[in-house]
Amino acid sequence: MLQLHKPEDYVIAIVMTFNFFGFVVRTFNFLGWHWKYYVVYYQSFYRETKMMVILVGQEK
């Protein structure tokens, strides 16, 4: 992708689904950091929503 002479659009997708909080926790764990030292989380702002799943094709 970085070696192309003409820029193109790409979608990067994985098979698993995560909510945002799960994404943050996994990312910080990958980096070896503890998320509670860096993230401010207020339970009063938390809102349960249905997870939207978007399926992507492998072809361009």
PDB file of N, CA and C in Angstrom:
ATOM      1  N   MET A   1       0.820  -1.195   0.000  1.00  0.00           N
ATOM      2  CA  MET A   1       0.000   0.000   0.000  1.00  0.00           C
ATOM      3  C   MET A   1       0.865   1.260   0.000  1.00  0.00           C
ATOM      4  N   LEU A   2       1.932   1.251   0.770  1.00  0.00           N
ATOM      5  CA  LEU A   2       2.763   2.451   0.881  1.00  0.00           C
ATOM      6  C   LEU A   2       3.675   2.640  -0.329  1.00  0.00           C
ATOM      7  N   GLN A   3       3.835   1.613  -1.159  1.00  0.00           N
ATOM      8  CA  GLN A   3       4.738   1.707  -2.294  1.00  0.00           C
ATOM      9  C   GLN A   3       4.029   2.075  -3.595  1.00  0.00           C
ATOM     10  N   LEU A   4       2.736   2.321  -3.547  1.00  0.00           N
ATOM     11  CA  LEU A   4       2.000   2.675  -4.755  1.00  0.00           C
ATOM     12  C   LEU A   4       2.298   4.110  -5.174  1.00  0.00           C
ATOM     13  N   HIS A   5       2.334   4.348  -6.465  1.00  0.00           N
ATOM     14  CA  HIS A   5       2.568   5.701  -6.971  1.00  0.00           C
ATOM     15  C   HIS A   5       1.305   6.549  -6.919  1.00  0.00           C
ATOM     16  N   LYS A   6       0.142   5.899  -7.043  1.00  0.00           N
ATOM     17  CA  LYS A   6      -1.131   6.599  -6.999  1.00  0.00           C
ATOM     18  C   LYS A   6      -1.895   6.151  -5.733  1.00  0.00           C
ATOM     19  N   PRO A   7      -2.317   7.078  -4.886  1.00  0.00           N
ATOM     20  CA  PRO A   7      -3.018   6.679  -3.661  1.00  0.00           C
ATOM     21  C   PRO A   7      -4.347   5.995  -3.965  1.00  0.00           C
ATOM     22  N   GLU A   8      -4.696   5.021  -3.153  1.00  0.00           N
ATOM     23  CA  GLU A   8      -5.960   4.319  -3.273  1.00  0.00           C
ATOM     24  C   GLU A   8      -6.583   4.188  -1.888  1.00  0.00           C
ATOM     25  N   ASP A   9      -7.879   3.904  -1.855  1.00  0.00           N
ATOM     26  CA  ASP A   9      -8.583   3.710  -0.589  1.00  0.00           C
ATOM     27  C   ASP A   9      -8.583   2.235  -0.226  1.00  0.00           C
ATOM     28  N   TYR A  10      -8.413   1.944   1.075  1.00  0.00           N
ATOM     29  CA  TYR A  10      -8.428   0.578   1.571  1.00  0.00           C
ATOM     30  C   TYR A  10      -9.302   0.509   2.814  1.00  0.00           C
ATOM     31  N   VAL A  11      -9.918  -0.632   3.015  1.00  0.00           N
ATOM     32  CA  VAL A  11     -10.650  -0.927   4.242  1.00  0.00           C
ATOM     33  C   VAL A  11      -9.939  -2.087   4.901  1.00  0.00           C
ATOM     34  N   ILE A  12      -9.557  -1.909   6.162  1.00  0.00           N
ATOM     35  CA  ILE A  12      -8.894  -2.970   6.909  1.00  0.00           C
ATOM     36  C   ILE A  12      -9.916  -3.546   7.872  1.00  0.00           C
ATOM     37  N   ALA A  13     -10.152  -4.845   7.781  1.00  0.00           N
ATOM     38  CA  ALA A  13     -11.184  -5.482   8.591  1.00  0.00           C
ATOM     39  C   ALA A  13     -10.632  -6.745   9.246  1.00  0.00           C
ATOM     40  N   ILE A  14     -11.237  -7.105  10.372  1.00  0.00           N
ATOM     41  CA  ILE A  14     -10.892  -8.343  11.055  1.00  0.00           C
ATOM     42  C   ILE A  14     -12.172  -9.140  11.267  1.00  0.00           C
ATOM     43  N   VAL A  15     -12.037 -10.385  11.649  1.00  0.00           N
ATOM     44  CA  VAL A  15     -13.177 -11.275  11.799  1.00  0.00           C
ATOM     45  C   VAL A  15     -13.908 -11.047  13.122  1.00  0.00           C
ATOM     46  N   MET A  16     -13.236 -10.516  14.133  1.00  0.00           N
ATOM     47  CA  MET A  16     -13.823 -10.355  15.458  1.00  0.00           C
ATOM     48  C   MET A  16     -14.493  -8.996  15.603  1.00  0.00           C
ATOM     49  N   THR A  17     -15.464  -8.903  16.513  1.00  0.00           N
ATOM     50  CA  THR A  17     -16.112  -7.630  16.812  1.00  0.00           C
ATOM     51  C   THR A  17     -15.836  -7.252  18.257  1.00  0.00           C
ATOM     52  N   PHE A  18     -15.663  -5.955  18.505  1.00  0.00           N
ATOM     53  CA  PHE A  18     -15.409  -5.421  19.842  1.00  0.00           C
ATOM     54  C   PHE A  18     -16.222  -4.156  20.024  1.00  0.00           C
ATOM     55  N   ASN A  19     -16.631  -3.891  21.244  1.00  0.00           N
ATOM     56  CA  ASN A  19     -17.158  -2.566  21.523  1.00  0.00           C
ATOM     57  C   ASN A  19     -15.960  -1.644  21.737  1.00  0.00           C
ATOM     58  N   PHE A  20     -16.194  -0.363  21.834  1.00  0.00           N
ATOM     59  CA  PHE A  20     -15.080   0.578  21.927  1.00  0.00           C
ATOM     60  C   PHE A  20     -14.253   0.353  23.187  1.00  0.00           C
ATOM     61  N   PHE A  21     -14.936   0.101  24.305  1.00  0.00           N
ATOM     62  CA  PHE A  21     -14.217  -0.125  25.558  1.00  0.00           C
ATOM     63  C   PHE A  21     -13.322  -1.366  25.452  1.00  0.00           C
ATOM     64  N   GLY A  22     -13.839  -2.425  24.849  1.00  0.00           N
ATOM     65  CA  GLY A  22     -13.033  -3.624  24.649  1.00  0.00           C
ATOM     66  C   GLY A  22     -11.834  -3.359  23.753  1.00  0.00           C
ATOM     67  N   PHE A  23     -12.039  -2.531  22.726  1.00  0.00           N
ATOM     68  CA  PHE A  23     -10.942  -2.147  21.845  1.00  0.00           C
ATOM     69  C   PHE A  23      -9.853  -1.397  22.613  1.00  0.00           C
ATOM     70  N   VAL A  24     -10.273  -0.453  23.471  1.00  0.00           N
ATOM     71  CA  VAL A  24      -9.311   0.329  24.257  1.00  0.00           C
ATOM     72  C   VAL A  24      -8.515  -0.590  25.181  1.00  0.00           C
ATOM     73  N   VAL A  25      -9.207  -1.474  25.891  1.00  0.00           N
ATOM     74  CA  VAL A  25      -8.530  -2.377  26.832  1.00  0.00           C
ATOM     75  C   VAL A  25      -7.547  -3.276  26.098  1.00  0.00           C
ATOM     76  N   ARG A  26      -7.958  -3.861  24.984  1.00  0.00           N
ATOM     77  CA  ARG A  26      -7.051  -4.737  24.232  1.00  0.00           C
ATOM     78  C   ARG A  26      -5.846  -3.984  23.676  1.00  0.00           C
ATOM     79  N   THR A  27      -6.075  -2.760  23.216  1.00  0.00           N
ATOM     80  CA  THR A  27      -4.976  -1.958  22.694  1.00  0.00           C
ATOM     81  C   THR A  27      -3.955  -1.638  23.779  1.00  0.00           C
ATOM     82  N   PHE A  28      -4.433  -1.207  24.941  1.00  0.00           N
ATOM     83  CA  PHE A  28      -3.517  -0.904  26.034  1.00  0.00           C
ATOM     84  C   PHE A  28      -2.799  -2.152  26.519  1.00  0.00           C
ATOM     85  N   ASN A  29      -3.495  -3.286  26.571  1.00  0.00           N
ATOM     86  CA  ASN A  29      -2.835  -4.538  26.959  1.00  0.00           C
ATOM     87  C   ASN A  29      -1.739  -4.903  25.971  1.00  0.00           C
ATOM     88  N   PHE A  30      -2.000  -4.701  24.682  1.00  0.00           N
ATOM     89  CA  PHE A  30      -1.000  -4.987  23.658  1.00  0.00           C
ATOM     90  C   PHE A  30       0.247  -4.132  23.861  1.00  0.00           C
ATOM     91  N   LEU A  31       0.046  -2.865  24.237  1.00  0.00           N
ATOM     92  CA  LEU A  31       1.164  -1.952  24.457  1.00  0.00           C
ATOM     93  C   LEU A  31       1.856  -2.179  25.797  1.00  0.00           C
ATOM     94  N   GLY A  32       1.231  -2.999  26.662  1.00  0.00           N
ATOM     95  CA  GLY A  32       1.814  -3.256  27.976  1.00  0.00           C
ATOM     96  C   GLY A  32       1.519  -2.146  28.974  1.00  0.00           C
ATOM     97  N   TRP A  33       0.502  -1.343  28.702  1.00  0.00           N
ATOM     98  CA  TRP A  33       0.111  -0.239  29.583  1.00  0.00           C
ATOM     99  C   TRP A  33      -1.176  -0.607  30.293  1.00  0.00           C
ATOM    100  N   HIS A  34      -1.417  -0.025  31.432  1.00  0.00           N
ATOM    101  CA  HIS A  34      -2.680  -0.224  32.139  1.00  0.00           C
ATOM    102  C   HIS A  34      -3.592   0.938  31.812  1.00  0.00           C
ATOM    103  N   TRP A  35      -4.747   0.653  31.209  1.00  0.00           N
ATOM    104  CA  TRP A  35      -5.628   1.699  30.685  1.00  0.00           C
ATOM    105  C   TRP A  35      -6.145   2.643  31.752  1.00  0.00           C
ATOM    106  N   LYS A  36      -6.285   2.180  32.996  1.00  0.00           N
ATOM    107  CA  LYS A  36      -6.847   3.022  34.056  1.00  0.00           C
ATOM    108  C   LYS A  36      -5.944   4.214  34.390  1.00  0.00           C
ATOM    109  N   TYR A  37      -4.666   4.127  34.025  1.00  0.00           N
ATOM    110  CA  TYR A  37      -3.753   5.254  34.274  1.00  0.00           C
ATOM    111  C   TYR A  37      -3.890   6.348  33.219  1.00  0.00           C
ATOM    112  N   TYR A  38      -4.512   6.045  32.082  1.00  0.00           N
ATOM    113  CA  TYR A  38      -4.546   6.972  30.956  1.00  0.00           C
ATOM    114  C   TYR A  38      -5.949   7.367  30.497  1.00  0.00           C
ATOM    115  N   VAL A  39      -6.967   6.602  30.878  1.00  0.00           N
ATOM    116  CA  VAL A  39      -8.323   6.818  30.375  1.00  0.00           C
ATOM    117  C   VAL A  39      -9.233   7.259  31.516  1.00  0.00           C
ATOM    118  N   VAL A  40      -9.996   8.316  31.283  1.00  0.00           N
ATOM    119  CA  VAL A  40     -11.001   8.762  32.247  1.00  0.00           C
ATOM    120  C   VAL A  40     -12.334   8.176  31.792  1.00  0.00           C
ATOM    121  N   TYR A  41     -12.978   7.424  32.667  1.00  0.00           N
ATOM    122  CA  TYR A  41     -14.197   6.703  32.317  1.00  0.00           C
ATOM    123  C   TYR A  41     -15.271   7.046  33.340  1.00  0.00           C
ATOM    124  N   TYR A  42     -16.351   7.660  32.877  1.00  0.00           N
ATOM    125  CA  TYR A  42     -17.465   8.025  33.750  1.00  0.00           C
ATOM    126  C   TYR A  42     -18.641   7.093  33.476  1.00  0.00           C
ATOM    127  N   GLN A  43     -19.050   6.325  34.466  1.00  0.00           N
ATOM    128  CA  GLN A  43     -20.164   5.399  34.306  1.00  0.00           C
ATOM    129  C   GLN A  43     -21.457   6.143  33.970  1.00  0.00           C
ATOM    130  N   SER A  44     -21.597   7.383  34.434  1.00  0.00           N
ATOM    131  CA  SER A  44     -22.817   8.146  34.165  1.00  0.00           C
ATOM    132  C   SER A  44     -22.987   8.461  32.674  1.00  0.00           C
ATOM    133  N   PHE A  45     -21.895   8.465  31.897  1.00  0.00           N
ATOM    134  CA  PHE A  45     -21.976   8.710  30.463  1.00  0.00           C
ATOM    135  C   PHE A  45     -22.155   7.435  29.648  1.00  0.00           C
ATOM    136  N   TYR A  46     -22.055   6.288  30.297  1.00  0.00           N
ATOM    137  CA  TYR A  46     -22.170   5.019  29.591  1.00  0.00           C
ATOM    138  C   TYR A  46     -23.598   4.797  29.115  1.00  0.00           C
ATOM    139  N   ARG A  47     -23.740   4.368  27.879  1.00  0.00           N
ATOM    140  CA  ARG A  47     -25.051   4.111  27.304  1.00  0.00           C
ATOM    141  C   ARG A  47     -24.993   2.795  26.541  1.00  0.00           C
ATOM    142  N   GLU A  48     -25.852   1.878  26.908  1.00  0.00           N
ATOM    143  CA  GLU A  48     -25.896   0.585  26.231  1.00  0.00           C
ATOM    144  C   GLU A  48     -26.558   0.761  24.868  1.00  0.00           C
ATOM    145  N   THR A  49     -25.901   0.301  23.829  1.00  0.00           N
ATOM    146  CA  THR A  49     -26.451   0.386  22.477  1.00  0.00           C
ATOM    147  C   THR A  49     -26.277  -0.956  21.784  1.00  0.00           C
ATOM    148  N   LYS A  50     -27.026  -1.150  20.745  1.00  0.00           N
ATOM    149  CA  LYS A  50     -26.860  -2.351  19.941  1.00  0.00           C
ATOM    150  C   LYS A  50     -25.603  -2.202  19.105  1.00  0.00           C
ATOM    151  N   MET A  51     -24.832  -3.268  19.027  1.00  0.00           N
ATOM    152  CA  MET A  51     -23.604  -3.215  18.252  1.00  0.00           C
ATOM    153  C   MET A  51     -23.936  -3.342  16.775  1.00  0.00           C
ATOM    154  N   MET A  52     -23.452  -2.408  15.988  1.00  0.00           N
ATOM    155  CA  MET A  52     -23.653  -2.446  14.550  1.00  0.00           C
ATOM    156  C   MET A  52     -22.513  -3.253  13.936  1.00  0.00           C
ATOM    157  N   VAL A  53     -22.845  -4.261  13.186  1.00  0.00           N
ATOM    158  CA  VAL A  53     -21.846  -5.109  12.547  1.00  0.00           C
ATOM    159  C   VAL A  53     -21.856  -4.806  11.058  1.00  0.00           C
ATOM    160  N   ILE A  54     -20.698  -4.500  10.534  1.00  0.00           N
ATOM    161  CA  ILE A  54     -20.548  -4.212   9.113  1.00  0.00           C
ATOM    162  C   ILE A  54     -19.697  -5.320   8.506  1.00  0.00           C
ATOM    163  N   LEU A  55     -20.199  -5.941   7.478  1.00  0.00           N
ATOM    164  CA  LEU A  55     -19.461  -6.996   6.788  1.00  0.00           C
ATOM    165  C   LEU A  55     -18.807  -6.397   5.549  1.00  0.00           C
ATOM    166  N   VAL A  56     -17.575  -6.771   5.313  1.00  0.00           N
ATOM    167  CA  VAL A  56     -16.851  -6.267   4.145  1.00  0.00           C
ATOM    168  C   VAL A  56     -16.419  -7.435   3.270  1.00  0.00           C
ATOM    169  N   GLY A  57     -16.327  -7.173   1.988  1.00  0.00           N
ATOM    170  CA  GLY A  57     -15.856  -8.176   1.053  1.00  0.00           C
ATOM    171  C   GLY A  57     -14.345  -8.137   0.925  1.00  0.00           C
ATOM    172  N   GLN A  58     -13.767  -9.235   0.492  1.00  0.00           N
ATOM    173  CA  GLN A  58     -12.317  -9.298   0.354  1.00  0.00           C
ATOM    174  C   GLN A  58     -11.825  -8.740  -0.965  1.00  0.00           C
ATOM    175  N   GLU A  59     -12.714  -8.640  -1.931  1.00  0.00           N
ATOM    176  CA  GLU A  59     -12.296  -8.122  -3.237  1.00  0.00           C
ATOM    177  C   GLU A  59     -12.270  -6.608  -3.207  1.00  0.00           C
ATOM    178  N   LYS A  60     -11.526  -6.037  -4.104  1.00  0.00           N
ATOM    179  CA  LYS A  60     -11.432  -4.574  -4.142  1.00  0.00           C
ATOM    180  C   LYS A  60     -12.442  -4.024  -5.106  1.00  0.00           C
TER     181      LYS A  60
END
